[in-house]
């Protein structure tokens, strides 16, 4: 894990490469610190939005000055176009390429070398990066290295002048002996899916399972696929706290957040093949509630004679061994008492099964808040519930002006956002209930602009509460499941005078393509 942290830090350093150069143009068309003429031919370089997540315009402008660029333009989609000399563009490309080469050297040689990595090859534009591995040493943890490679490749392509929509770096992990592709990740997958492949809330491939084409599988019914596996569903339950079947004196457990519950499906799995099988690759599943609302989940594995849990992405099942996997779906607590049907559509290997957790009704299993109002624009008051048909309900929970943003009910350990000296945050909190049939990425829910004193405008960034409102997490790796309420915070860093002056503070925000306003002060 230490190696991975070091590699991720190298990516952070990549994004601040030019901060060390300090090249700034002279005021009157003179030379910059590299002796370059100010009237040299200029180029435009557009860097995509993911590289500026959480950055304010002030910080971007500061980077432009430090880097010696001629100017910049911020776009509505979050991307930024830099204007720079051809010489500066070439300089940046060389620096990024050097950083990539250093990263490759570090993971192949020396104290930070990854045990499974054998060699790495790539195209000149980094559109493809192939990591050849020793399959016997390769683990799921190694897949995490893909992030640094595809982000660095995408960053390089942006400085080549490639359009944001056409930028992509595909990273493949390949068995060096058999040439089998063991895993693939890409920049486009990261941009298009807010939940990464390591995140429990991401949309699994199993969401494509058609209910009518799956094979029914009853509790305790065994299925055997010759030379691959034998499997059965041991039990399925609805609970607020998932504990091992035979808890030891010390054990892990999974307690649902307030207002939620877990559907826990336990599968006994025997490996009939001649090689280890990675536990997290054995099952993919989707839960259907009421025949229409889809939930993705994550897997864990029992250990120590069914007395504890461990992570499936670091566990192998050896040949002829029987292990117990649990697939967990976090759902609204109302699922426990409703009459809605619960069906799990499950991929085991290449076979698709249908497991009935509870017989029940299909169709509408929930109803909008009785106090909700249908509104597609206009001003919204605190606690006023707005409903957008078949899409969402939301209300403004609160808005604060503070120098330190903390979760509403801080846990023992929590993240917080402290403003820079001379600045404060305007913290705009929205409660959002998803009425769609599938999860929605939290960062796609809302966009907002703050206006101070009727004319000064500020952009911000979003984050999401977790742990029953006791902590924060990133909105770009979080999804809000169907019929579930999430708390989204939009933060604006503004001058300190905003907190003490009498100037108006208003927020214009867009949800479900409808634009609303909210008066903070």
Protein backbone atom coordinates (compact mmCIF):
# COMPACT_ATOMS: atom_id res chain seq x y z
CA UNK A 1 0.00 0.00 0.00
CA UNK A 2 2.96 2.27 0.72
CA UNK A 3 4.09 1.82 -2.89
CA UNK A 4 0.66 2.83 -4.16
CA UNK A 5 0.60 5.96 -2.01
CA UNK A 6 4.00 6.93 -3.37
CA UNK A 7 2.78 6.48 -6.92
CA UNK A 8 -0.35 8.55 -6.31
CA UNK A 9 1.80 11.26 -4.79
CA UNK A 10 3.87 11.29 -7.97
CA UNK A 11 0.69 12.05 -9.88
CA UNK A 12 -0.08 14.94 -7.55
CA UNK A 13 3.41 16.25 -8.21
CA UNK A 14 2.76 15.93 -11.93
CA UNK A 15 -0.18 18.33 -11.71
CA UNK A 16 2.02 20.91 -10.03
CA UNK A 17 5.08 20.43 -12.25
CA UNK A 18 5.21 23.97 -13.52
CA UNK A 19 4.67 25.47 -10.10
CA UNK A 20 8.39 24.97 -9.63
CA UNK A 21 9.36 26.83 -12.79
CA UNK A 22 8.16 30.28 -11.77
CA UNK A 23 8.19 31.53 -15.39
CA UNK A 24 6.26 34.79 -15.77
CA UNK A 25 6.12 37.11 -18.80
CA UNK A 26 7.56 40.59 -18.50
CA UNK A 27 5.06 43.45 -18.29
CA UNK A 28 5.95 45.25 -21.52
CA UNK A 29 6.44 42.53 -24.11
CA UNK A 30 9.87 41.66 -22.76
CA UNK A 31 11.34 38.26 -22.10
CA UNK A 32 10.25 35.79 -19.47
CA UNK A 33 12.69 34.09 -17.13
CA UNK A 34 13.61 31.56 -19.84
CA UNK A 35 14.53 34.30 -22.32
CA UNK A 36 11.50 33.60 -24.55
CA UNK A 37 10.06 36.42 -26.61
CA UNK A 38 6.55 37.47 -25.52
CA UNK A 39 5.40 37.70 -29.14
CA UNK A 40 6.22 34.06 -29.85
CA UNK A 41 3.44 32.05 -31.52
CA UNK A 42 0.81 30.98 -28.97
CA UNK A 43 -1.10 27.73 -28.53
CA UNK A 44 -4.32 26.85 -26.73
CA UNK A 45 -4.32 23.78 -24.50
CA UNK A 46 -7.60 22.58 -22.96
CA UNK A 47 -7.28 20.44 -19.83
CA UNK A 48 -10.42 18.44 -18.91
CA UNK A 49 -12.54 19.11 -15.81
CA UNK A 50 -11.38 16.10 -13.70
CA UNK A 51 -7.98 17.76 -13.25
CA UNK A 52 -9.58 20.77 -11.53
CA UNK A 53 -11.97 19.04 -9.15
CA UNK A 54 -12.31 21.20 -6.03
CA UNK A 55 -10.09 24.01 -7.38
CA UNK A 56 -11.34 27.59 -7.17
CA UNK A 57 -10.73 30.11 -9.94
CA UNK A 58 -8.29 31.97 -7.67
CA UNK A 59 -6.13 28.87 -7.40
CA UNK A 60 -6.28 28.27 -11.16
CA UNK A 61 -5.29 31.87 -11.84
CA UNK A 62 -2.41 31.52 -9.40
CA UNK A 63 -1.18 28.42 -11.26
CA UNK A 64 -1.38 30.25 -14.59
CA UNK A 65 0.90 32.99 -13.27
CA UNK A 66 3.32 30.52 -11.71
CA UNK A 67 3.49 28.46 -14.89
CA UNK A 68 4.19 31.40 -17.15
CA UNK A 69 1.10 30.91 -19.32
CA UNK A 70 -0.29 33.87 -21.26
CA UNK A 71 -3.87 33.44 -20.08
CA UNK A 72 -6.74 31.05 -19.40
CA UNK A 73 -10.47 30.56 -19.92
CA UNK A 74 -12.73 28.53 -17.57
CA UNK A 75 -15.58 26.68 -19.29
CA UNK A 76 -19.00 25.72 -17.95
CA UNK A 77 -18.14 22.01 -18.08
CA UNK A 78 -15.26 22.59 -15.63
CA UNK A 79 -12.43 22.34 -18.17
CA UNK A 80 -9.83 25.09 -18.52
CA UNK A 81 -8.12 26.34 -21.68
CA UNK A 82 -4.57 27.63 -21.16
CA UNK A 83 -2.88 29.93 -23.66
CA UNK A 84 0.89 29.48 -23.84
CA UNK A 85 3.84 29.68 -26.19
CA UNK A 86 4.78 26.72 -28.37
CA UNK A 87 8.02 26.53 -26.41
CA UNK A 88 6.16 26.29 -23.11
CA UNK A 89 3.84 23.63 -24.54
CA UNK A 90 6.82 21.52 -25.65
CA UNK A 91 8.46 22.03 -22.27
CA UNK A 92 5.36 20.75 -20.47
CA UNK A 93 5.11 17.71 -22.74
CA UNK A 94 8.73 16.83 -21.95
CA UNK A 95 8.14 17.23 -18.22
CA UNK A 96 5.04 15.00 -18.27
CA UNK A 97 6.85 12.37 -20.35
CA UNK A 98 9.76 12.41 -17.90
CA UNK A 99 7.33 11.98 -15.02
CA UNK A 100 5.75 9.00 -16.79
CA UNK A 101 9.14 7.43 -17.45
CA UNK A 102 10.16 7.92 -13.82
CA UNK A 103 6.91 6.33 -12.66
CA UNK A 104 7.44 3.29 -14.91
CA UNK A 105 11.01 2.92 -13.68
CA UNK A 106 9.87 3.13 -10.05
CA UNK A 107 7.23 0.36 -10.38
CA UNK A 108 9.61 -1.95 -12.25
CA UNK A 109 12.85 -1.41 -10.33
CA UNK A 110 14.08 -0.38 -6.90
CA UNK A 111 12.40 -0.34 -3.50
CA UNK A 112 8.98 0.71 -4.89
CA UNK A 113 8.86 -2.03 -7.53
CA UNK A 114 5.57 -3.94 -7.76
CA UNK A 115 6.19 -7.67 -7.33
CA UNK A 116 3.90 -8.77 -10.16
CA UNK A 117 5.01 -6.20 -12.80
CA UNK A 118 7.30 -7.66 -15.47
CA UNK A 119 7.38 -4.95 -18.16
CA UNK A 120 5.41 -1.97 -19.46
CA UNK A 121 4.96 -0.79 -23.04
CA UNK A 122 2.93 2.10 -24.42
CA UNK A 123 2.09 4.11 -27.52
CA UNK A 124 3.77 7.46 -28.12
CA UNK A 125 0.62 9.39 -27.16
CA UNK A 126 -0.11 7.12 -24.18
CA UNK A 127 -3.46 6.12 -25.66
CA UNK A 128 -2.56 2.53 -24.71
CA UNK A 129 -0.45 1.36 -21.78
CA UNK A 130 0.15 -2.38 -21.36
CA UNK A 131 1.40 -3.66 -18.01
CA UNK A 132 2.71 -7.22 -18.36
CA UNK A 133 2.48 -9.15 -15.09
CA UNK A 134 3.38 -12.43 -13.46
CA UNK A 135 -0.10 -13.93 -13.01
CA UNK A 136 0.95 -15.95 -9.96
CA UNK A 137 1.97 -12.77 -8.11
CA UNK A 138 -0.74 -10.49 -9.53
CA UNK A 139 -3.46 -9.34 -7.08
CA UNK A 140 -6.47 -7.03 -7.23
CA UNK A 141 -4.49 -4.37 -5.39
CA UNK A 142 -2.24 -4.05 -8.46
CA UNK A 143 -5.22 -2.79 -10.49
CA UNK A 144 -5.20 0.41 -8.43
CA UNK A 145 -2.01 1.51 -10.18
CA UNK A 146 -4.04 2.05 -13.36
CA UNK A 147 -5.35 5.38 -12.05
CA UNK A 148 -1.97 7.13 -12.06
CA UNK A 149 -1.13 5.78 -15.51
CA UNK A 150 -4.36 6.74 -17.26
CA UNK A 151 -4.56 10.15 -15.57
CA UNK A 152 -0.97 10.96 -16.53
CA UNK A 153 -1.63 9.76 -20.07
CA UNK A 154 -4.77 11.90 -20.34
CA UNK A 155 -2.89 14.91 -18.96
CA UNK A 156 -0.19 14.42 -21.60
CA UNK A 157 -2.78 14.19 -24.39
CA UNK A 158 -4.42 17.42 -23.26
CA UNK A 159 -1.08 19.23 -23.68
CA UNK A 160 -0.74 17.64 -27.12
CA UNK A 161 -3.85 19.63 -28.04
CA UNK A 162 -6.26 16.68 -28.29
CA UNK A 163 -9.90 17.67 -27.74
CA UNK A 164 -11.23 16.80 -24.27
CA UNK A 165 -13.93 14.48 -25.65
CA UNK A 166 -11.34 12.47 -27.60
CA UNK A 167 -8.82 12.05 -24.79
CA UNK A 168 -8.43 8.50 -23.53
CA UNK A 169 -5.75 6.26 -22.08
CA UNK A 170 -6.48 2.54 -21.79
CA UNK A 171 -4.45 0.56 -19.24
CA UNK A 172 -4.34 -3.23 -19.61
CA UNK A 173 -2.90 -5.76 -17.18
CA UNK A 174 -1.69 -8.71 -19.29
CA UNK A 175 -0.47 -12.16 -18.25
CA UNK A 176 3.12 -12.11 -19.52
CA UNK A 177 3.00 -15.85 -20.28
CA UNK A 178 -0.46 -16.45 -21.77
CA UNK A 179 -1.04 -12.88 -23.07
CA UNK A 180 -4.51 -13.01 -21.49
CA UNK A 181 -5.89 -9.58 -20.53
CA UNK A 182 -6.57 -9.85 -16.80
CA UNK A 183 -7.98 -6.37 -16.21
CA UNK A 184 -8.64 -3.17 -18.14
CA UNK A 185 -9.18 0.38 -16.91
CA UNK A 186 -9.32 3.67 -18.80
CA UNK A 187 -9.57 7.41 -18.39
CA UNK A 188 -12.92 7.47 -20.23
CA UNK A 189 -14.35 4.85 -17.87
CA UNK A 190 -13.24 7.02 -14.95
CA UNK A 191 -14.85 10.15 -16.43
CA UNK A 192 -18.10 8.46 -17.46
CA UNK A 193 -18.61 6.41 -14.27
CA UNK A 194 -18.29 8.38 -10.99
CA UNK A 195 -17.92 5.15 -9.08
CA UNK A 196 -14.62 3.52 -9.83
CA UNK A 197 -14.24 -0.22 -10.29
CA UNK A 198 -13.08 -0.40 -6.66
CA UNK A 199 -16.12 1.44 -5.32
CA UNK A 200 -19.11 -0.51 -3.90
CA UNK A 201 -21.60 1.91 -5.45
CA UNK A 202 -20.43 1.51 -9.06
CA UNK A 203 -22.78 0.05 -11.66
CA UNK A 204 -21.86 -3.60 -12.21
CA UNK A 205 -22.07 -5.31 -15.57
CA UNK A 206 -24.79 -7.43 -14.01
CA UNK A 207 -27.23 -4.52 -14.37
CA UNK A 208 -27.57 -5.70 -17.96
CA UNK A 209 -29.07 -9.04 -16.85
CA UNK A 210 -32.57 -9.55 -18.20
CA UNK A 211 -34.86 -11.02 -15.57
CA UNK A 212 -36.59 -13.36 -18.03
CA UNK A 213 -33.33 -14.93 -19.28
CA UNK A 214 -31.97 -15.96 -15.89
CA UNK A 215 -32.19 -19.40 -14.28
CA UNK A 216 -34.17 -19.60 -11.00
CA UNK A 217 -32.00 -20.58 -8.05
CA UNK A 218 -33.70 -21.47 -4.76
CA UNK A 219 -32.16 -21.18 -1.31
CA UNK A 220 -29.95 -24.27 -0.65
CA UNK A 221 -30.26 -25.43 -4.28
CA UNK A 222 -26.83 -26.51 -5.59
CA UNK A 223 -25.56 -25.80 -9.11
CA UNK A 224 -22.43 -27.39 -10.58
CA UNK A 225 -20.41 -26.26 -13.57
CA UNK A 226 -17.90 -29.00 -14.33
CA UNK A 227 -14.26 -28.10 -13.65
CA UNK A 228 -15.21 -24.53 -12.64
CA UNK A 229 -17.43 -24.33 -9.57
CA UNK A 230 -20.17 -25.66 -7.35
CA UNK A 231 -22.39 -23.01 -5.74
CA UNK A 232 -25.54 -22.55 -3.67
CA UNK A 233 -27.34 -19.72 -1.88
CA UNK A 234 -26.93 -20.46 1.83
CA UNK A 235 -29.39 -17.77 2.96
CA UNK A 236 -30.69 -14.27 2.21
CA UNK A 237 -31.78 -11.75 4.80
CA UNK A 238 -32.83 -8.12 5.32
CA UNK A 239 -30.99 -6.57 8.25
CA UNK A 240 -29.63 -3.32 9.64
CA UNK A 241 -26.42 -5.04 10.77
CA UNK A 242 -24.61 -7.79 8.84
CA UNK A 243 -22.65 -10.07 11.20
CA UNK A 244 -20.87 -13.39 10.55
CA UNK A 245 -23.00 -16.55 11.00
CA UNK A 246 -20.85 -17.73 13.93
CA UNK A 247 -19.43 -14.52 15.43
CA UNK A 248 -16.11 -14.84 17.21
CA UNK A 249 -14.96 -12.81 20.20
CA UNK A 250 -13.70 -10.21 17.70
CA UNK A 251 -15.31 -9.79 14.30
CA UNK A 252 -16.08 -7.31 11.54
CA UNK A 253 -19.66 -6.31 10.84
CA UNK A 254 -21.46 -3.99 8.46
CA UNK A 255 -24.00 -1.65 10.04
CA UNK A 256 -26.26 0.25 7.67
CA UNK A 257 -26.44 4.03 7.91
CA UNK A 258 -29.43 5.70 9.51
CA UNK A 259 -32.52 5.26 7.33
CA UNK A 260 -31.04 2.32 5.45
CA UNK A 261 -30.81 -1.48 5.63
CA UNK A 262 -28.79 -4.24 3.98
CA UNK A 263 -29.96 -7.10 1.78
CA UNK A 264 -27.41 -9.82 2.59
CA UNK A 265 -27.15 -12.76 0.16
CA UNK A 266 -24.77 -15.50 1.30
CA UNK A 267 -23.38 -17.87 -1.36
CA UNK A 268 -21.38 -21.02 -0.70
CA UNK A 269 -18.79 -21.43 -3.47
CA UNK A 270 -16.44 -24.35 -4.16
CA UNK A 271 -13.62 -23.84 -6.65
CA UNK A 272 -13.51 -26.89 -8.96
CA UNK A 273 -10.79 -25.46 -11.21
CA UNK A 274 -7.07 -26.14 -10.95
CA UNK A 275 -6.08 -22.50 -10.23
CA UNK A 276 -6.83 -19.92 -7.57
CA UNK A 277 -9.93 -17.82 -8.23
CA UNK A 278 -10.14 -14.22 -7.03
CA UNK A 279 -13.12 -13.88 -4.72
CA UNK A 280 -14.21 -10.47 -5.98
CA UNK A 281 -14.46 -11.76 -9.56
CA UNK A 282 -16.74 -14.70 -8.77
CA UNK A 283 -20.08 -12.89 -8.37
CA UNK A 284 -21.65 -9.80 -9.92
CA UNK A 285 -25.19 -9.00 -8.89
CA UNK A 286 -28.02 -6.48 -9.13
CA UNK A 287 -30.96 -6.22 -6.75
CA UNK A 288 -34.40 -5.45 -8.21
CA UNK A 289 -36.87 -3.88 -5.79
CA UNK A 290 -40.50 -3.75 -6.87
CA UNK A 291 -39.44 -5.09 -10.26
CA UNK A 292 -37.90 -1.78 -11.36
CA UNK A 293 -35.55 -0.11 -8.87
CA UNK A 294 -31.99 -1.35 -9.36
CA UNK A 295 -29.30 -1.50 -6.67
CA UNK A 296 -25.66 -2.44 -7.02
CA UNK A 297 -23.67 -3.89 -4.17
CA UNK A 298 -20.33 -5.27 -3.07
CA UNK A 299 -18.94 -8.58 -1.86
CA UNK A 300 -17.15 -9.73 1.28
CA UNK A 301 -15.86 -13.17 2.32
CA UNK A 302 -16.16 -15.14 5.52
CA UNK A 303 -13.00 -16.34 7.27
CA UNK A 304 -11.93 -18.13 10.44
CA UNK A 305 -14.61 -20.83 10.32
CA UNK A 306 -17.40 -18.37 9.48
CA UNK A 307 -16.63 -16.20 12.51
CA UNK A 308 -15.39 -13.06 10.74
CA UNK A 309 -15.38 -11.17 7.42
CA UNK A 310 -12.56 -10.05 5.15
CA UNK A 311 -12.32 -8.16 1.85
CA UNK A 312 -13.06 -10.12 -1.32
CA UNK A 313 -10.62 -8.07 -3.42
CA UNK A 314 -7.63 -9.40 -1.45
CA UNK A 315 -8.85 -13.00 -1.14
CA UNK A 316 -8.23 -15.99 -3.39
CA UNK A 317 -10.21 -19.23 -3.28
CA UNK A 318 -7.84 -22.13 -3.82
CA UNK A 319 -8.69 -25.26 -5.87
CA UNK A 320 -11.28 -27.56 -4.26
CA UNK A 321 -11.83 -25.12 -1.38
CA UNK A 322 -15.30 -24.07 -0.21
CA UNK A 323 -15.74 -20.46 0.91
CA UNK A 324 -18.75 -18.30 1.76
CA UNK A 325 -19.22 -15.02 -0.09
CA UNK A 326 -21.73 -12.36 0.92
CA UNK A 327 -23.16 -9.88 -1.56
CA UNK A 328 -24.49 -6.80 0.23
CA UNK A 329 -26.94 -4.20 -1.10
CA UNK A 330 -27.66 -1.05 0.92
CA UNK A 331 -31.30 -0.02 0.43
CA UNK A 332 -33.79 2.37 2.07
CA UNK A 333 -34.96 1.13 5.49
CA UNK A 334 -38.55 1.25 4.19
CA UNK A 335 -37.74 -1.87 2.13
CA UNK A 336 -37.93 -3.89 5.35
CA UNK A 337 -41.63 -3.15 5.91
CA UNK A 338 -42.93 -2.67 2.36
CA UNK A 339 -44.73 -5.21 0.18
CA UNK A 340 -42.34 -4.74 -2.75
CA UNK A 341 -40.69 -7.78 -4.29
CA UNK A 342 -36.97 -8.36 -3.85
CA UNK A 343 -35.10 -10.33 -6.53
CA UNK A 344 -31.36 -10.69 -6.96
CA UNK A 345 -30.07 -11.14 -10.52
CA UNK A 346 -26.71 -12.81 -10.17
CA UNK A 347 -23.80 -13.67 -12.46
CA UNK A 348 -21.67 -16.57 -11.27
CA UNK A 349 -19.00 -17.19 -13.85
CA UNK A 350 -20.80 -16.91 -17.18
CA UNK A 351 -24.10 -18.19 -15.80
CA UNK A 352 -27.01 -15.97 -14.79
CA UNK A 353 -29.34 -16.82 -11.91
CA UNK A 354 -32.42 -15.33 -10.30
CA UNK A 355 -32.74 -15.53 -6.50
CA UNK A 356 -36.03 -14.50 -4.88
CA UNK A 357 -35.32 -12.85 -1.54
CA UNK A 358 -38.96 -11.93 -0.99
CA UNK A 359 -42.12 -12.41 -3.00
CA UNK A 360 -44.13 -9.21 -3.35
CA UNK A 361 -45.61 -6.50 -5.50
CA UNK A 362 -44.00 -5.00 -8.58
CA UNK A 363 -44.46 -1.35 -9.55
CA UNK A 364 -44.62 1.73 -7.31
CA UNK A 365 -43.36 0.78 -3.86
CA UNK A 366 -42.95 4.29 -2.49
CA UNK A 367 -44.75 7.62 -2.82
CA UNK A 368 -43.66 11.28 -2.88
CA UNK A 369 -43.65 13.30 0.31
CA UNK A 370 -47.15 14.65 0.97
CA UNK A 371 -45.72 18.13 1.59
CA UNK A 372 -43.79 18.28 -1.67
CA UNK A 373 -44.59 20.93 -4.28
CA UNK A 374 -44.00 20.65 -8.02
CA UNK A 375 -41.71 23.48 -9.03
CA UNK A 376 -39.49 23.83 -12.09
CA UNK A 377 -37.98 27.24 -11.29
CA UNK A 378 -38.09 30.15 -8.87
CA UNK A 379 -36.94 30.75 -5.33
CA UNK A 380 -36.70 27.88 -2.85
CA UNK A 381 -36.97 28.36 0.92
CA UNK A 382 -35.23 26.32 3.63
CA UNK A 383 -36.99 22.97 4.19
CA UNK A 384 -39.36 23.54 1.25
CA UNK A 385 -39.65 20.14 -0.45
CA UNK A 386 -39.58 20.33 -4.25
CA UNK A 387 -40.62 17.34 -6.38
CA UNK A 388 -39.57 16.73 -9.99
CA UNK A 389 -41.82 14.01 -11.40
CA UNK A 390 -40.17 10.58 -11.75
CA UNK A 391 -36.81 12.19 -11.09
CA UNK A 392 -36.21 13.44 -7.56
CA UNK A 393 -37.30 15.27 -4.44
CA UNK A 394 -35.04 17.79 -2.74
CA UNK A 395 -34.95 20.52 -0.15
CA UNK A 396 -32.37 22.99 1.14
CA UNK A 397 -31.37 21.69 4.55
CA UNK A 398 -29.32 24.74 5.53
CA UNK A 399 -26.74 27.28 4.36
CA UNK A 400 -23.92 28.52 6.60
CA UNK A 401 -21.09 31.01 6.32
CA UNK A 402 -18.14 29.54 8.20
CA UNK A 403 -14.36 29.27 8.19
CA UNK A 404 -14.50 25.53 8.88
CA UNK A 405 -17.06 23.19 7.25
CA UNK A 406 -17.84 20.16 9.39
CA UNK A 407 -20.44 17.39 9.03
CA UNK A 408 -23.71 18.06 10.91
CA UNK A 409 -23.16 15.17 13.34
CA UNK A 410 -19.37 14.73 13.49
CA UNK A 411 -18.19 11.25 14.31
CA UNK A 412 -15.07 10.34 16.27
CA UNK A 413 -13.09 10.76 13.04
CA UNK A 414 -14.27 13.03 10.25
CA UNK A 415 -13.15 15.16 7.32
CA UNK A 416 -13.58 18.91 7.39
CA UNK A 417 -12.81 21.85 5.11
CA UNK A 418 -11.00 24.82 6.62
CA UNK A 419 -10.89 27.99 4.53
CA UNK A 420 -7.60 29.67 3.63
CA UNK A 421 -6.50 32.73 5.61
CA UNK A 422 -8.62 35.76 4.76
CA UNK A 423 -11.43 33.62 3.37
CA UNK A 424 -14.56 31.78 4.49
CA UNK A 425 -16.82 29.12 3.05
CA UNK A 426 -20.48 29.40 2.18
CA UNK A 427 -21.76 25.87 2.81
CA UNK A 428 -24.97 25.08 0.90
CA UNK A 429 -26.53 21.74 1.96
CA UNK A 430 -29.23 19.99 -0.10
CA UNK A 431 -31.10 16.80 0.82
CA UNK A 432 -31.73 14.86 -2.41
CA UNK A 433 -33.96 11.79 -2.84
CA UNK A 434 -33.41 9.85 -6.05
CA UNK A 435 -36.63 8.75 -7.79
CA UNK A 436 -34.89 7.26 -10.80
CA UNK A 437 -34.76 3.49 -11.20
CA UNK A 438 -30.95 3.46 -11.14
CA UNK A 439 -28.25 5.17 -9.10
CA UNK A 440 -27.13 8.67 -10.02
CA UNK A 441 -23.60 10.03 -9.59
CA UNK A 442 -23.59 12.59 -6.79
CA UNK A 443 -21.48 15.06 -8.73
CA UNK A 444 -24.12 15.07 -11.50
CA UNK A 445 -26.96 16.10 -9.21
CA UNK A 446 -26.38 19.82 -8.85
CA UNK A 447 -24.43 22.75 -10.26
CA UNK A 448 -24.41 26.12 -8.54
CA UNK A 449 -23.13 29.71 -8.62
CA UNK A 450 -22.96 32.15 -5.71
CA UNK A 451 -23.55 35.87 -6.18
CA UNK A 452 -22.36 38.38 -3.56
CA UNK A 453 -23.68 41.93 -3.36
CA UNK A 454 -25.61 41.39 -6.56
CA UNK A 455 -22.57 41.29 -8.86
CA UNK A 456 -19.60 39.24 -7.61
CA UNK A 457 -19.88 35.64 -8.77
CA UNK A 458 -18.18 32.55 -7.35
CA UNK A 459 -18.04 28.92 -8.46
CA UNK A 460 -17.72 26.07 -5.99
CA UNK A 461 -17.37 22.32 -5.59
CA UNK A 462 -19.50 19.55 -4.12
CA UNK A 463 -19.06 16.80 -1.55
CA UNK A 464 -21.40 14.28 0.09
CA UNK A 465 -22.15 13.25 3.64
CA UNK A 466 -21.63 9.66 4.77
CA UNK A 467 -21.61 7.63 7.99
CA UNK A 468 -25.11 8.83 9.04
CA UNK A 469 -24.13 12.50 8.52
CA UNK A 470 -20.96 12.03 10.55
CA UNK A 471 -18.36 12.47 7.79
CA UNK A 472 -17.77 13.73 4.24
CA UNK A 473 -16.66 11.96 1.06
CA UNK A 474 -16.01 12.98 -2.55
CA UNK A 475 -19.03 13.47 -4.79
CA UNK A 476 -17.18 12.16 -7.85
CA UNK A 477 -16.87 8.67 -6.34
CA UNK A 478 -20.32 8.50 -4.75
CA UNK A 479 -23.74 7.51 -6.11
CA UNK A 480 -27.21 8.03 -4.67
CA UNK A 481 -29.25 4.81 -5.00
CA UNK A 482 -32.94 4.75 -6.01
CA UNK A 483 -35.42 5.92 -3.33
CA UNK A 484 -32.46 6.89 -1.15
CA UNK A 485 -31.79 10.34 0.30
CA UNK A 486 -28.27 11.75 0.21
CA UNK A 487 -26.98 15.03 1.61
CA UNK A 488 -24.98 17.06 -0.90
CA UNK A 489 -22.88 20.07 0.11
CA UNK A 490 -21.87 22.78 -2.34
CA UNK A 491 -18.96 24.86 -1.01
CA UNK A 492 -17.97 28.34 -2.17
CA UNK A 493 -14.73 29.88 -0.91
CA UNK A 494 -15.23 33.67 -0.69
CA UNK A 495 -13.43 36.67 0.85
CA UNK A 496 -13.78 37.02 4.62
CA UNK A 497 -15.69 40.27 4.22
CA UNK A 498 -18.68 38.28 2.97
CA UNK A 499 -19.19 36.99 6.51
CA UNK A 500 -19.18 40.43 8.15
CA UNK A 501 -20.72 42.71 5.52
CA UNK A 502 -24.39 43.44 4.84
CA UNK A 503 -24.14 42.49 1.17
CA UNK A 504 -26.65 40.02 -0.21
CA UNK A 505 -25.65 36.39 -0.75
CA UNK A 506 -27.71 34.34 -3.20
CA UNK A 507 -27.17 30.95 -4.82
CA UNK A 508 -28.45 29.96 -8.25
CA UNK A 509 -28.51 26.20 -8.67
CA UNK A 510 -29.64 23.66 -11.24
CA UNK A 511 -31.15 20.25 -10.46
CA UNK A 512 -32.75 17.97 -13.09
CA UNK A 513 -32.29 20.71 -15.73
CA UNK A 514 -34.42 23.11 -13.65
CA UNK A 515 -32.86 26.29 -12.27
CA UNK A 516 -33.74 27.65 -8.82
CA UNK A 517 -32.52 30.35 -6.48
CA UNK A 518 -31.89 30.44 -2.74
CA UNK A 519 -31.22 33.45 -0.54
CA UNK A 520 -28.51 32.85 2.03
CA UNK A 521 -28.66 36.43 3.30
